[in-house]
Amino acid sequence: MPDPMPQPSTHLPAFEHKIVAPGELAERIDSVPRPLVFTNGCFDLLHRGHVSLLAEARALGATLVVALNSDASVQRLGKGDDRPVNSLSDRLAVIAALESVTLVTWFEEDTPLQRILDCRPDILVKGGDWPLERIVGNEEVSGWGGCVRSLPFIHQTSTTGLLAKIRRL
């Protein structure tokens, strides 16, 4: 008689294969379709603003690569002693599980410039709170003929705002 309780799978969910170590990014980029869109951020507590931005970014090209700040990189941003709330490995998995995301990687540095150089995106995207002249990689991407976009926010949500609300409860 078959076991009535299904056993957990020992295989990783398919989305976990979207997670790429920084040293392997350039090689993986060779096998994805162009145009390639790149964005980055902490993506600590995933919210509607994040997923809307990522969906909009993906709509601009055939591939979306997302680079996440490492835990130490988030802490250096000065967002608070308790940030990030979620560890890098958890944030990578959550972002990788999104349909709009093709590959997800990370960076230890204060900026994602090296990841941008690794994948040479056709389109570099940040959220609407970033003026073009302040977007890291703007000069490089524009220099090789790519374009840089600051996408207006559809939803006015933020992780900092969510945490403030939770703390008031």
C-alpha atoms as a PDB file:
ATOM      1  CA  MET A   1       0.000   0.000   0.000  1.00  0.00           C
ATOM      2  CA  PRO A   2       1.408   3.459  -0.906  1.00  0.00           C
ATOM      3  CA  ASP A   3       2.507   5.763   1.901  1.00  0.00           C
ATOM      4  CA  PRO A   4      -0.448   8.148   2.559  1.00  0.00           C
ATOM      5  CA  MET A   5       1.911  10.935   3.666  1.00  0.00           C
ATOM      6  CA  PRO A   6       3.955  12.347   0.794  1.00  0.00           C
ATOM      7  CA  GLN A   7       7.620  12.693   1.614  1.00  0.00           C
ATOM      8  CA  PRO A   8       9.332  16.057   1.173  1.00  0.00           C
ATOM      9  CA  SER A   9      11.422  16.358  -1.953  1.00  0.00           C
ATOM     10  CA  THR A  10      15.182  16.352  -1.546  1.00  0.00           C
ATOM     11  CA  HIS A  11      15.515  18.337  -4.771  1.00  0.00           C
ATOM     12  CA  LEU A  12      15.695  22.091  -4.833  1.00  0.00           C
ATOM     13  CA  PRO A  13      12.695  23.942  -6.241  1.00  0.00           C
ATOM     14  CA  ALA A  14      13.321  24.962  -9.856  1.00  0.00           C
ATOM     15  CA  PHE A  15      13.538  28.660  -8.993  1.00  0.00           C
ATOM     16  CA  GLU A  16      16.665  28.025  -6.888  1.00  0.00           C
ATOM     17  CA  HIS A  17      18.564  27.441 -10.143  1.00  0.00           C
ATOM     18  CA  LYS A  18      18.073  31.131 -10.942  1.00  0.00           C
ATOM     19  CA  ILE A  19      20.464  32.027  -8.095  1.00  0.00           C
ATOM     20  CA  VAL A  20      23.929  32.660  -9.522  1.00  0.00           C
ATOM     21  CA  ALA A  21      27.118  33.296  -7.561  1.00  0.00           C
ATOM     22  CA  PRO A  22      28.875  36.500  -8.659  1.00  0.00           C
ATOM     23  CA  GLY A  23      31.832  34.556 -10.071  1.00  0.00           C
ATOM     24  CA  GLU A  24      29.511  32.546 -12.335  1.00  0.00           C
ATOM     25  CA  LEU A  25      27.374  35.429 -13.578  1.00  0.00           C
ATOM     26  CA  ALA A  26      29.335  36.298 -16.726  1.00  0.00           C
ATOM     27  CA  GLU A  27      29.174  32.673 -17.893  1.00  0.00           C
ATOM     28  CA  ARG A  28      25.425  32.363 -17.251  1.00  0.00           C
ATOM     29  CA  ILE A  29      24.754  35.656 -19.051  1.00  0.00           C
ATOM     30  CA  ASP A  30      26.060  34.112 -22.283  1.00  0.00           C
ATOM     31  CA  SER A  31      23.071  31.744 -22.367  1.00  0.00           C
ATOM     32  CA  VAL A  32      20.204  34.201 -21.803  1.00  0.00           C
ATOM     33  CA  PRO A  33      18.312  36.118 -24.482  1.00  0.00           C
ATOM     34  CA  ARG A  34      18.807  39.825 -25.105  1.00  0.00           C
ATOM     35  CA  PRO A  35      17.854  42.551 -24.511  1.00  0.00           C
ATOM     36  CA  LEU A  36      19.032  42.109 -20.931  1.00  0.00           C
ATOM     37  CA  VAL A  37      17.627  44.332 -18.187  1.00  0.00           C
ATOM     38  CA  PHE A  38      19.513  44.804 -14.901  1.00  0.00           C
ATOM     39  CA  THR A  39      18.356  46.200 -11.577  1.00  0.00           C
ATOM     40  CA  ASN A  40      19.522  45.986  -8.018  1.00  0.00           C
ATOM     41  CA  GLY A  41      18.488  46.648  -4.441  1.00  0.00           C
ATOM     42  CA  CYS A  42      18.080  45.215  -0.950  1.00  0.00           C
ATOM     43  CA  PHE A  43      14.600  43.725  -1.505  1.00  0.00           C
ATOM     44  CA  ASP A  44      14.427  43.019   2.223  1.00  0.00           C
ATOM     45  CA  LEU A  45      10.700  42.706   2.926  1.00  0.00           C
ATOM     46  CA  LEU A  46       9.220  42.068  -0.483  1.00  0.00           C
ATOM     47  CA  HIS A  47       6.173  44.245  -1.169  1.00  0.00           C
ATOM     48  CA  ARG A  48       3.897  45.343  -3.987  1.00  0.00           C
ATOM     49  CA  GLY A  49       6.192  48.184  -5.002  1.00  0.00           C
ATOM     50  CA  HIS A  50       9.074  45.755  -5.465  1.00  0.00           C
ATOM     51  CA  VAL A  51       7.173  43.225  -7.549  1.00  0.00           C
ATOM     52  CA  SER A  52       5.612  45.959  -9.685  1.00  0.00           C
ATOM     53  CA  LEU A  53       9.026  47.468 -10.410  1.00  0.00           C
ATOM     54  CA  LEU A  54      10.470  44.056 -11.272  1.00  0.00           C
ATOM     55  CA  ALA A  55       7.558  43.233 -13.596  1.00  0.00           C
ATOM     56  CA  GLU A  56       7.910  46.604 -15.330  1.00  0.00           C
ATOM     57  CA  ALA A  57      11.664  46.125 -15.672  1.00  0.00           C
ATOM     58  CA  ARG A  58      11.226  42.663 -17.193  1.00  0.00           C
ATOM     59  CA  ALA A  59       8.717  44.032 -19.698  1.00  0.00           C
ATOM     60  CA  LEU A  60      11.529  46.192 -21.116  1.00  0.00           C
ATOM     61  CA  GLY A  61      13.556  43.178 -22.271  1.00  0.00           C
ATOM     62  CA  ALA A  62      13.794  39.426 -22.658  1.00  0.00           C
ATOM     63  CA  THR A  63      15.874  38.808 -19.510  1.00  0.00           C
ATOM     64  CA  LEU A  64      15.880  40.401 -16.059  1.00  0.00           C
ATOM     65  CA  VAL A  65      18.941  40.083 -13.829  1.00  0.00           C
ATOM     66  CA  VAL A  66      18.565  41.306 -10.242  1.00  0.00           C
ATOM     67  CA  ALA A  67      21.556  41.921  -7.967  1.00  0.00           C
ATOM     68  CA  LEU A  68      20.951  42.067  -4.219  1.00  0.00           C
ATOM     69  CA  ASN A  69      23.021  43.890  -1.631  1.00  0.00           C
ATOM     70  CA  SER A  70      24.743  41.395   0.683  1.00  0.00           C
ATOM     71  CA  ASP A  71      23.789  41.605   4.358  1.00  0.00           C
ATOM     72  CA  ALA A  72      26.921  43.653   5.132  1.00  0.00           C
ATOM     73  CA  SER A  73      26.233  45.946   2.177  1.00  0.00           C
ATOM     74  CA  VAL A  74      22.679  46.584   3.458  1.00  0.00           C
ATOM     75  CA  GLN A  75      24.038  47.394   6.922  1.00  0.00           C
ATOM     76  CA  ARG A  76      26.467  49.934   5.454  1.00  0.00           C
ATOM     77  CA  LEU A  77      23.528  51.743   3.808  1.00  0.00           C
ATOM     78  CA  GLY A  78      22.446  52.917   7.254  1.00  0.00           C
ATOM     79  CA  LYS A  79      18.875  51.637   7.065  1.00  0.00           C
ATOM     80  CA  GLY A  80      18.959  50.633  10.732  1.00  0.00           C
ATOM     81  CA  ASP A  81      20.710  48.223  13.059  1.00  0.00           C
ATOM     82  CA  ASP A  82      18.032  45.577  12.492  1.00  0.00           C
ATOM     83  CA  ARG A  83      18.411  45.537   8.711  1.00  0.00           C
ATOM     84  CA  PRO A  84      18.280  43.471   6.715  1.00  0.00           C
ATOM     85  CA  VAL A  85      15.387  41.656   8.345  1.00  0.00           C
ATOM     86  CA  ASN A  86      15.799  38.695   5.980  1.00  0.00           C
ATOM     87  CA  SER A  87      19.165  37.071   5.300  1.00  0.00           C
ATOM     88  CA  LEU A  88      20.747  37.232   1.859  1.00  0.00           C
ATOM     89  CA  SER A  89      19.985  33.552   1.203  1.00  0.00           C
ATOM     90  CA  ASP A  90      16.297  34.093   1.999  1.00  0.00           C
ATOM     91  CA  ARG A  91      16.110  37.295  -0.076  1.00  0.00           C
ATOM     92  CA  LEU A  92      17.775  35.537  -3.028  1.00  0.00           C
ATOM     93  CA  ALA A  93      15.265  32.676  -2.894  1.00  0.00           C
ATOM     94  CA  VAL A  94      12.239  34.976  -2.690  1.00  0.00           C
ATOM     95  CA  ILE A  95      13.398  37.108  -5.638  1.00  0.00           C
ATOM     96  CA  ALA A  96      14.331  33.995  -7.648  1.00  0.00           C
ATOM     97  CA  ALA A  97      10.802  32.637  -7.144  1.00  0.00           C
ATOM     98  CA  LEU A  98       9.300  35.600  -9.023  1.00  0.00           C
ATOM     99  CA  GLU A  99       8.217  34.888 -12.582  1.00  0.00           C
ATOM    100  CA  SER A 100       9.641  38.189 -13.832  1.00  0.00           C
ATOM    101  CA  VAL A 101      13.185  37.370 -12.680  1.00  0.00           C
ATOM    102  CA  THR A 102      15.538  35.383 -14.912  1.00  0.00           C
ATOM    103  CA  LEU A 103      18.649  35.362 -12.714  1.00  0.00           C
ATOM    104  CA  VAL A 104      19.490  36.733  -9.276  1.00  0.00           C
ATOM    105  CA  THR A 105      22.941  37.366  -7.828  1.00  0.00           C
ATOM    106  CA  TRP A 106      24.484  39.560  -5.157  1.00  0.00           C
ATOM    107  CA  PHE A 107      27.267  42.023  -4.424  1.00  0.00           C
ATOM    108  CA  GLU A 108      29.367  42.618  -1.311  1.00  0.00           C
ATOM    109  CA  GLU A 109      30.505  46.079  -2.370  1.00  0.00           C
ATOM    110  CA  ASP A 110      28.628  49.312  -1.658  1.00  0.00           C
ATOM    111  CA  THR A 111      27.463  49.496  -5.291  1.00  0.00           C
ATOM    112  CA  PRO A 112      26.527  46.928  -7.958  1.00  0.00           C
ATOM    113  CA  LEU A 113      28.981  48.324 -10.519  1.00  0.00           C
ATOM    114  CA  GLN A 114      31.001  45.110 -10.853  1.00  0.00           C
ATOM    115  CA  ARG A 115      27.834  43.026 -11.466  1.00  0.00           C
ATOM    116  CA  ILE A 116      26.758  45.591 -14.091  1.00  0.00           C
ATOM    117  CA  LEU A 117      30.139  45.224 -15.804  1.00  0.00           C
ATOM    118  CA  ASP A 118      29.864  41.418 -15.544  1.00  0.00           C
ATOM    119  CA  CYS A 119      26.597  41.252 -17.492  1.00  0.00           C
ATOM    120  CA  ARG A 120      26.750  44.419 -19.659  1.00  0.00           C
ATOM    121  CA  PRO A 121      22.998  45.077 -19.642  1.00  0.00           C
ATOM    122  CA  ASP A 122      21.200  46.657 -22.547  1.00  0.00           C
ATOM    123  CA  ILE A 123      18.901  48.427 -20.088  1.00  0.00           C
ATOM    124  CA  LEU A 124      19.712  49.522 -16.535  1.00  0.00           C
ATOM    125  CA  VAL A 125      16.693  50.186 -14.311  1.00  0.00           C
ATOM    126  CA  LYS A 126      16.124  51.719 -10.885  1.00  0.00           C
ATOM    127  CA  GLY A 127      13.001  52.951  -9.116  1.00  0.00           C
ATOM    128  CA  GLY A 128      11.625  56.447  -9.554  1.00  0.00           C
ATOM    129  CA  ASP A 129      13.391  57.807  -6.481  1.00  0.00           C
ATOM    130  CA  TRP A 130      16.686  57.560  -8.391  1.00  0.00           C
ATOM    131  CA  PRO A 131      17.527  60.441 -10.760  1.00  0.00           C
ATOM    132  CA  LEU A 132      19.416  59.168 -13.803  1.00  0.00           C
ATOM    133  CA  GLU A 133      22.629  61.000 -12.924  1.00  0.00           C
ATOM    134  CA  ARG A 134      22.802  59.175  -9.558  1.00  0.00           C
ATOM    135  CA  ILE A 135      22.238  55.659 -10.908  1.00  0.00           C
ATOM    136  CA  VAL A 136      25.424  53.623 -10.532  1.00  0.00           C
ATOM    137  CA  GLY A 137      26.446  52.281 -13.934  1.00  0.00           C
ATOM    138  CA  ASN A 138      24.738  55.058 -15.906  1.00  0.00           C
ATOM    139  CA  GLU A 139      27.945  56.209 -17.607  1.00  0.00           C
ATOM    140  CA  GLU A 140      29.101  52.676 -18.370  1.00  0.00           C
ATOM    141  CA  VAL A 141      25.786  51.401 -19.776  1.00  0.00           C
ATOM    142  CA  SER A 142      25.237  54.587 -21.802  1.00  0.00           C
ATOM    143  CA  GLY A 143      28.832  54.307 -23.026  1.00  0.00           C
ATOM    144  CA  TRP A 144      28.266  50.913 -24.651  1.00  0.00           C
ATOM    145  CA  GLY A 145      24.990  52.030 -26.225  1.00  0.00           C
ATOM    146  CA  GLY A 146      22.548  50.830 -23.578  1.00  0.00           C
ATOM    147  CA  CYS A 147      19.858  52.887 -21.943  1.00  0.00           C
ATOM    148  CA  VAL A 148      19.220  53.808 -18.315  1.00  0.00           C
ATOM    149  CA  ARG A 149      15.693  54.196 -16.931  1.00  0.00           C
ATOM    150  CA  SER A 150      14.266  55.451 -13.654  1.00  0.00           C
ATOM    151  CA  LEU A 151      10.781  53.922 -13.528  1.00  0.00           C
ATOM    152  CA  PRO A 152       8.097  55.912 -11.705  1.00  0.00           C
ATOM    153  CA  PHE A 153       6.590  54.183  -8.713  1.00  0.00           C
ATOM    154  CA  ILE A 154       3.104  52.753  -9.234  1.00  0.00           C
ATOM    155  CA  HIS A 155       2.666  51.993  -5.526  1.00  0.00           C
ATOM    156  CA  GLN A 156       4.012  54.152  -2.729  1.00  0.00           C
ATOM    157  CA  THR A 157       5.296  51.404  -0.441  1.00  0.00           C
ATOM    158  CA  SER A 158       8.646  50.869   1.236  1.00  0.00           C
ATOM    159  CA  THR A 159      10.263  48.342   3.529  1.00  0.00           C
ATOM    160  CA  THR A 160      11.124  51.148   5.959  1.00  0.00           C
ATOM    161  CA  GLY A 161       7.450  52.175   6.018  1.00  0.00           C
ATOM    162  CA  LEU A 162       6.297  48.594   6.548  1.00  0.00           C
ATOM    163  CA  LEU A 163       8.710  48.131   9.442  1.00  0.00           C
ATOM    164  CA  ALA A 164       7.540  51.382  11.050  1.00  0.00           C
ATOM    165  CA  LYS A 165       3.935  50.157  10.816  1.00  0.00           C
ATOM    166  CA  ILE A 166       4.825  46.775  12.322  1.00  0.00           C
ATOM    167  CA  ARG A 167       6.661  48.453  15.194  1.00  0.00           C
ATOM    168  CA  ARG A 168       3.563  50.540  16.014  1.00  0.00           C
ATOM    169  CA  LEU A 169       1.392  47.416  16.390  1.00  0.00           C
END
